[in-house]
Protein backbone atom coordinates (compact mmCIF):
# COMPACT_ATOMS: atom_id res chain seq x y z
CA MET A 1 102.63 152.99 178.33
CA ALA A 2 105.19 155.79 178.15
CA GLU A 3 105.80 154.97 174.50
CA ARG A 4 102.07 154.98 173.79
CA ARG A 5 101.60 158.35 175.49
CA ARG A 6 104.51 159.76 173.51
CA ARG A 7 102.90 158.65 170.28
CA ARG A 8 99.60 160.30 171.21
CA ALA A 9 101.15 163.56 172.47
CA ARG A 10 101.48 165.40 169.18
CA LEU A 11 100.67 169.04 168.54
CA VAL A 12 99.54 168.59 164.94
CA THR A 13 97.60 165.52 163.85
CA LYS A 14 98.27 163.75 160.57
CA ASP A 15 95.33 165.55 158.93
CA GLY A 16 96.58 168.98 160.04
CA ARG A 17 94.41 169.72 163.07
CA CYS A 18 96.12 171.39 166.04
CA ASN A 19 95.82 169.33 169.22
CA ILE A 20 95.75 172.15 171.76
CA GLU A 21 93.27 173.52 174.27
CA TYR A 22 93.04 176.81 176.13
CA GLY A 23 92.22 177.14 179.80
CA ASN A 24 91.64 179.83 182.42
CA ILE A 25 90.38 182.39 179.91
CA HIS A 26 88.58 185.24 181.68
CA TYR A 27 84.93 185.45 180.70
CA THR A 28 85.32 189.04 179.46
CA ARG A 29 87.62 187.73 176.72
CA HIS A 30 84.63 186.02 175.12
CA PHE A 31 83.24 189.41 174.09
CA ALA A 32 86.15 189.64 171.64
CA PHE A 33 84.59 186.75 169.71
CA LEU A 34 81.29 188.66 169.54
CA ALA A 35 83.07 191.78 168.30
CA ASP A 36 84.59 189.72 165.48
CA PHE A 37 81.22 188.12 164.78
CA TRP A 38 81.92 187.45 161.08
CA THR A 39 84.92 185.21 161.77
CA THR A 40 83.01 183.58 164.63
CA PHE A 41 80.10 182.66 162.37
CA VAL A 42 82.38 181.38 159.60
CA GLU A 43 84.38 179.16 161.99
CA ILE A 44 81.54 177.66 164.06
CA ARG A 45 80.21 174.20 163.27
CA TRP A 46 77.57 173.62 160.62
CA ARG A 47 74.98 172.56 163.19
CA PHE A 48 75.12 176.00 164.80
CA VAL A 49 74.99 177.76 161.44
CA LEU A 50 71.84 175.83 160.54
CA PHE A 51 70.38 176.62 163.97
CA PHE A 52 71.00 180.36 163.56
CA PHE A 53 69.67 180.20 160.00
CA ILE A 54 66.35 178.70 161.10
CA ALA A 55 66.10 180.70 164.32
CA SER A 56 66.82 184.10 162.76
CA PHE A 57 64.17 183.76 160.05
CA THR A 58 61.54 182.19 162.30
CA LEU A 59 62.08 184.73 165.08
CA SER A 60 61.98 187.70 162.72
CA TRP A 61 58.76 186.41 161.13
CA PHE A 62 57.17 185.98 164.54
CA ILE A 63 58.26 189.40 165.92
CA PHE A 64 57.00 191.24 162.86
CA GLY A 65 53.85 189.11 162.97
CA LEU A 66 53.20 190.50 166.47
CA LEU A 67 53.76 194.04 165.16
CA TRP A 68 51.33 193.48 162.32
CA TYR A 69 48.84 192.08 164.81
CA TRP A 70 49.30 195.19 166.97
CA ILE A 71 48.70 197.50 163.97
CA ALA A 72 45.58 195.57 162.98
CA ARG A 73 44.33 195.69 166.58
CA SER A 74 44.99 199.43 166.82
CA ASN A 75 42.97 200.01 163.64
CA GLY A 76 40.15 197.71 164.72
CA ASP A 77 40.71 195.16 161.94
CA LEU A 78 40.53 191.98 164.01
CA ALA A 79 37.57 189.64 163.79
CA TRP A 80 36.77 189.81 167.52
CA GLN A 81 36.58 193.61 167.24
CA ASP A 82 33.59 193.24 164.84
CA PRO A 83 34.55 195.93 162.30
CA SER A 84 31.76 197.62 160.30
CA PRO A 85 31.10 196.59 156.67
CA ASP A 86 32.55 199.87 155.33
CA HIS A 87 35.68 199.63 157.50
CA THR A 88 39.03 199.92 155.62
CA PRO A 89 41.71 197.72 157.26
CA CYS A 90 45.42 198.46 157.30
CA VAL A 91 46.10 195.04 155.76
CA ASP A 92 43.39 193.11 153.95
CA ASN A 93 42.52 189.69 155.43
CA VAL A 94 44.66 190.14 158.58
CA VAL A 95 42.02 189.28 161.18
CA GLY A 96 44.04 187.41 163.81
CA LEU A 97 47.45 186.40 165.05
CA THR A 98 47.76 183.51 162.57
CA THR A 99 46.96 185.67 159.56
CA ALA A 100 49.32 188.36 160.87
CA PHE A 101 52.15 185.80 161.07
CA LEU A 102 51.36 184.58 157.55
CA TYR A 103 51.44 188.15 156.22
CA SER A 104 54.78 188.73 157.97
CA LEU A 105 56.22 185.58 156.36
CA GLU A 106 54.86 186.51 152.91
CA THR A 107 56.25 190.04 153.20
CA GLN A 108 59.78 189.08 154.27
CA THR A 109 60.09 186.21 151.78
CA THR A 110 58.43 188.25 148.98
CA ILE A 111 56.04 185.38 148.25
CA GLY A 112 52.85 187.46 147.89
CA TYR A 113 50.08 184.92 147.47
CA GLY A 114 47.58 187.74 146.84
CA GLY A 115 45.25 186.98 149.75
CA ARG A 116 46.68 189.68 152.03
CA ALA A 117 47.78 193.12 150.91
CA ILE A 118 48.57 196.43 152.58
CA THR A 119 46.29 199.44 152.12
CA PRO A 120 47.36 203.13 152.10
CA VAL A 121 45.24 204.16 155.09
CA CYS A 122 47.81 203.39 157.80
CA PRO A 123 51.15 205.28 157.66
CA GLY A 124 52.52 203.06 160.45
CA ALA A 125 51.89 199.95 158.35
CA ILE A 126 53.74 201.47 155.41
CA ALA A 127 56.74 202.28 157.64
CA LEU A 128 56.67 198.76 159.11
CA ILE A 129 56.70 197.05 155.73
CA ILE A 130 59.74 199.14 154.72
CA ILE A 131 61.56 198.25 157.94
CA GLN A 132 60.78 194.53 157.61
CA SER A 133 61.88 194.44 153.98
CA LEU A 134 65.23 196.04 154.85
CA ILE A 135 65.86 193.79 157.86
CA GLY A 136 64.90 190.72 155.84
CA ALA A 137 67.39 191.71 153.10
CA VAL A 138 70.16 192.14 155.70
CA ILE A 139 69.45 188.71 157.23
CA ASN A 140 69.44 187.10 153.77
CA CYS A 141 72.74 188.70 152.74
CA PHE A 142 74.50 187.88 156.01
CA LEU A 143 73.46 184.23 156.27
CA CYS A 144 74.01 183.54 152.56
CA GLY A 145 77.47 185.09 152.89
CA VAL A 146 78.28 182.90 155.90
CA ILE A 147 77.16 179.73 154.12
CA LEU A 148 79.10 180.62 150.96
CA ALA A 149 82.21 181.47 152.99
CA LYS A 150 82.05 178.16 154.88
CA ILE A 151 81.61 176.19 151.65
CA SER A 152 84.59 177.91 150.03
CA LEU A 153 86.97 177.68 152.99
CA PRO A 154 90.55 177.01 151.81
CA LYS A 155 90.85 174.06 154.20
CA LYS A 156 88.50 172.13 151.92
CA ARG A 157 91.08 172.46 149.15
CA ALA A 158 93.71 171.21 151.58
CA LYS A 159 91.84 167.90 151.85
CA THR A 160 92.99 167.05 148.31
CA ILE A 161 96.67 167.41 149.21
CA THR A 162 98.20 164.51 151.08
CA PHE A 163 101.54 163.70 152.66
CA SER A 164 103.12 160.29 153.08
CA GLU A 165 102.42 158.66 156.41
CA MET A 166 106.13 158.00 156.98
CA ALA A 167 109.32 159.96 156.39
CA VAL A 168 112.52 158.25 155.26
CA ILE A 169 116.22 158.92 155.83
CA CYS A 170 118.63 157.82 153.10
CA PRO A 171 121.47 159.15 150.90
CA LYS A 172 120.51 161.59 148.15
CA ASN A 173 122.73 163.82 146.00
CA ASP A 174 125.85 162.96 148.02
CA SER A 175 124.16 163.91 151.29
CA LEU A 176 122.19 162.17 153.98
CA CYS A 177 118.62 163.46 153.65
CA LEU A 178 115.28 163.21 155.40
CA SER A 179 112.65 162.81 152.68
CA ILE A 180 108.88 163.28 152.65
CA ARG A 181 106.47 162.77 149.76
CA VAL A 182 103.50 165.04 149.01
CA ALA A 183 100.85 164.78 146.28
CA ASN A 184 98.18 167.02 144.83
CA LEU A 185 95.10 164.92 144.03
CA ARG A 186 93.60 167.57 141.74
CA LYS A 187 94.89 168.49 138.31
CA THR A 188 94.60 172.20 139.14
CA LEU A 189 97.90 173.56 140.42
CA MET A 190 98.86 175.15 143.70
CA ILE A 191 100.47 178.44 142.68
CA GLY A 192 103.36 179.92 144.62
CA SER A 193 103.80 176.89 146.85
CA GLN A 194 106.17 177.26 149.79
CA ILE A 195 107.23 174.20 151.81
CA TYR A 196 108.93 174.41 155.17
CA GLY A 197 109.04 172.62 158.51
CA LYS A 198 109.28 173.23 162.25
CA LEU A 199 110.92 170.83 164.68
CA LEU A 200 109.15 170.97 168.04
CA ARG A 201 110.99 169.63 171.06
CA THR A 202 111.50 170.24 174.75
CA THR A 203 114.89 171.77 175.57
CA THR A 204 116.70 172.88 178.71
CA THR A 205 118.67 176.13 178.80
CA PRO A 206 122.09 176.41 180.51
CA ASP A 207 120.31 178.18 183.37
CA GLY A 208 118.17 175.11 183.98
CA ASP A 209 114.96 176.53 182.47
CA THR A 210 112.80 174.10 180.50
CA ILE A 211 111.40 175.34 177.21
CA ILE A 212 108.39 173.34 176.13
CA MET A 213 107.69 173.24 172.41
CA ASP A 214 110.91 174.93 171.35
CA GLN A 215 110.72 175.52 167.59
CA VAL A 216 113.58 175.02 165.15
CA SER A 217 113.18 175.82 161.45
CA ILE A 218 113.66 172.93 159.01
CA ASP A 219 114.31 173.72 155.35
CA PHE A 220 112.90 171.43 152.68
CA MET A 221 113.63 171.48 148.98
CA VAL A 222 112.98 169.53 145.81
CA ASP A 223 115.37 168.71 143.00
CA ALA A 224 114.47 171.92 141.17
CA GLY A 225 114.96 174.09 144.28
CA ASN A 226 112.73 175.24 147.10
CA ASP A 227 111.24 178.29 145.38
CA ASN A 228 107.77 177.79 143.86
CA PRO A 229 107.94 174.09 142.91
CA PHE A 230 105.93 172.92 139.89
CA PHE A 231 103.32 171.01 141.87
CA VAL A 232 101.71 169.09 139.02
CA CYS A 233 102.71 165.61 140.20
CA PRO A 234 103.81 164.04 143.51
CA LEU A 235 106.94 165.66 144.87
CA THR A 236 109.61 164.26 147.15
CA LEU A 237 110.80 166.85 149.64
CA TYR A 238 114.14 166.40 151.31
CA HIS A 239 116.01 168.05 154.12
CA ILE A 240 119.82 167.77 154.09
CA ILE A 241 121.17 166.43 157.39
CA ASP A 242 124.40 168.38 157.82
CA LYS A 243 126.13 169.98 160.80
CA SER A 244 123.53 172.76 160.94
CA SER A 245 120.62 170.30 161.00
CA PRO A 246 119.04 169.33 164.34
CA PHE A 247 119.02 165.73 163.07
CA PHE A 248 122.82 165.63 162.80
CA GLU A 249 123.33 164.17 166.29
CA MET A 250 120.69 161.48 165.78
CA ALA A 251 121.44 157.97 164.61
CA VAL A 252 119.57 154.83 163.70
CA ASP A 253 120.10 153.47 167.21
CA ASN A 254 118.62 156.42 169.12
CA ILE A 255 116.25 158.27 166.81
CA HIS A 256 113.19 156.37 168.05
CA ASN A 257 114.08 157.25 171.63
CA GLN A 258 114.07 160.98 170.89
CA ASP A 259 111.21 163.27 171.92
CA PHE A 260 110.36 165.62 169.07
CA GLU A 261 107.72 166.35 166.47
CA LEU A 262 108.43 167.45 162.91
CA VAL A 263 105.61 169.64 161.55
CA VAL A 264 105.60 170.19 157.79
CA PHE A 265 103.71 173.08 156.17
CA LEU A 266 102.73 173.68 152.56
CA ASP A 267 101.42 177.16 151.75
CA GLY A 268 99.99 177.95 148.33
CA THR A 269 97.23 179.56 146.31
CA ALA A 270 94.59 177.43 144.60
CA GLU A 271 94.60 178.05 140.85
CA SER A 272 90.83 177.69 140.44
CA THR A 273 89.67 179.92 143.33
CA SER A 274 92.74 182.15 143.98
CA SER A 275 92.34 181.43 147.69
CA SER A 276 95.34 180.86 149.93
CA CYS A 277 95.48 177.68 151.95
CA GLN A 278 97.87 175.85 154.21
CA VAL A 279 98.30 172.09 154.49
CA ARG A 280 99.93 170.65 157.62
CA THR A 281 101.04 167.29 158.86
CA SER A 282 103.48 166.02 161.46
CA TYR A 283 105.94 163.21 162.07
CA ILE A 284 107.06 161.78 165.39
CA PRO A 285 110.21 159.62 165.85
CA HIS A 286 108.39 156.33 165.22
CA GLU A 287 107.27 157.66 161.83
CA LEU A 288 110.85 158.18 160.60
CA MET A 289 112.31 155.18 158.75
CA TRP A 290 116.12 155.10 158.64
CA GLY A 291 117.62 153.36 155.62
CA TYR A 292 114.64 153.45 153.27
CA ASN A 293 113.75 155.35 150.12
CA PHE A 294 110.46 155.96 148.31
CA MET A 295 109.63 153.96 145.21
CA PRO A 296 109.24 155.92 141.95
CA VAL A 297 105.72 156.95 140.96
CA ILE A 298 106.21 158.71 137.61
CA SER A 299 106.70 156.83 134.36
CA ARG A 300 106.28 157.46 130.66
CA SER A 301 104.16 155.35 128.33
CA LYS A 302 104.96 154.33 124.79
CA GLU A 303 102.56 156.99 123.56
CA GLY A 304 104.67 159.67 125.24
CA LYS A 305 102.23 160.37 128.08
CA TYR A 306 103.34 160.81 131.66
CA ARG A 307 101.71 158.54 134.22
CA VAL A 308 101.58 158.70 137.98
CA ASP A 309 101.24 155.38 139.80
CA PHE A 310 99.67 156.33 143.12
CA SER A 311 99.89 152.76 144.37
CA ASN A 312 103.61 153.41 144.93
CA PHE A 313 103.04 156.77 146.63
CA ALA A 314 104.00 155.62 150.14
CA LYS A 315 105.83 152.37 149.36
CA VAL A 316 109.47 152.28 150.39
CA VAL A 317 112.43 150.02 149.70
CA PRO A 318 115.54 149.47 151.87
CA VAL A 319 118.75 151.14 150.77
CA ALA A 320 122.29 151.05 152.13
CA THR A 321 122.55 153.92 154.62
CA ALA A 322 125.13 154.92 157.21
CA HIS A 323 124.26 154.63 160.89
CA CYS A 324 124.48 158.42 161.39
CA SER A 325 125.36 161.57 159.52
CA TYR A 326 128.92 161.58 160.89
CA CYS A 327 129.34 157.97 159.81
CA TYR A 328 128.06 158.82 156.34
CA HIS A 329 130.89 161.29 155.77
CA ASN A 330 133.69 159.55 157.67
CA ILE A 331 132.98 155.81 157.99
CA LYS A 332 132.11 153.40 155.23
CA GLY A 333 129.95 151.11 157.38
CA HIS A 334 126.31 150.91 156.33
CA HIS A 335 123.09 149.96 158.01
CA HIS A 336 120.83 147.58 156.08
CA HIS A 337 117.16 146.70 156.45
CA SER A 338 115.85 143.35 155.34
CA THR A 339 112.11 144.07 155.30
CA LEU A 340 110.00 146.44 153.31
CA GLY A 341 108.44 149.47 154.90
CA CYS A 342 104.82 150.16 155.58
CA GLU A 343 102.38 151.84 153.23
CA ASN A 344 100.04 154.79 153.64
CA GLN A 345 96.81 152.93 154.26
CA GLY A 346 94.67 156.05 154.03
CA PHE A 347 95.76 156.89 150.49
CA GLU A 348 93.62 155.77 147.57
CA VAL A 349 95.31 153.16 145.41
CA ILE A 350 94.86 153.76 141.69
CA GLU A 351 95.41 150.92 139.24
CA ILE A 352 97.80 152.18 136.62
CA ASP A 353 96.52 149.70 134.02
CA ASP A 354 93.06 151.22 134.02
CA PRO A 355 93.11 154.16 131.55
CA SER A 356 90.24 155.89 133.37
CA ASN A 357 92.34 156.18 136.53
CA VAL A 358 95.55 157.41 134.93
CA THR A 359 96.57 160.96 135.68
CA LYS A 360 97.31 162.52 132.32
CA MET A 361 99.52 165.58 131.98
């Protein structure tokens, strides 16, 4: 049970959502959300956006319908007021509450069926139609802006960037490294990509104070360096486990008994929309595989085209790896695995033999 609770207690889920809740917030703090109403409307759920969309238009039509009814009543235009044959109404064919509501709807939506029209005999009616037209334009602009902003949120672009479900620890470039694989599912690039990590763990100070969620920076790099990687194909990120690394004291025998969470961030700008986005994922001790390495995914065909085999994206193979970082540099003993690792079940498998599914560069 303790192990199961430890697996569930993660700050960042695999799809990047933050698993945190706020409590004991004073009710006056909620007015800050109303002051920043634009961000509030963009971040609320779609069901509430649709509710406000329908409610704002319907309520404005009804309120202005009552005002048109009041103007018609003040001028004696209603049917129950029995106007004289030579009577000039403020609005033609507005003779009741229903027709007043219909005229309000036609005015604000600029439909204009032609059955009801304003006349120049009532200055109040002319002022009201100007006010309703302006308010209707403001409602249209605001709600259309909210819907467009929600559709174009950068987090939608982040859905097409995926990380491997597992991280591996194995030798690489004469160092013991922790490796993670990331892929961009779209052919459009992520410009100015920056990849970094944070190790979250609970520590105790020499004074006996407990620090929950203490953060330690973790540097990741690719073979070409960690500055603006060319993110056109799946990349393997690796962190060198040296004396300055928080993983240096860990070994194959105790890493799964540790209590930490490795959060990996990828910041970049989408090439097609120029919008900045951040992709997040996390790894807990049971998602770190010691003594494994990722299988290659990039190959070259006889025609000279580069191909990416996504079926190997999260597949791993066992490799000879020292029991710990100290052993890697000082002892020649190695730790072997006899079984293959697990695969990322949530990643789409693409058959490399099918030309329609081949990623072409």
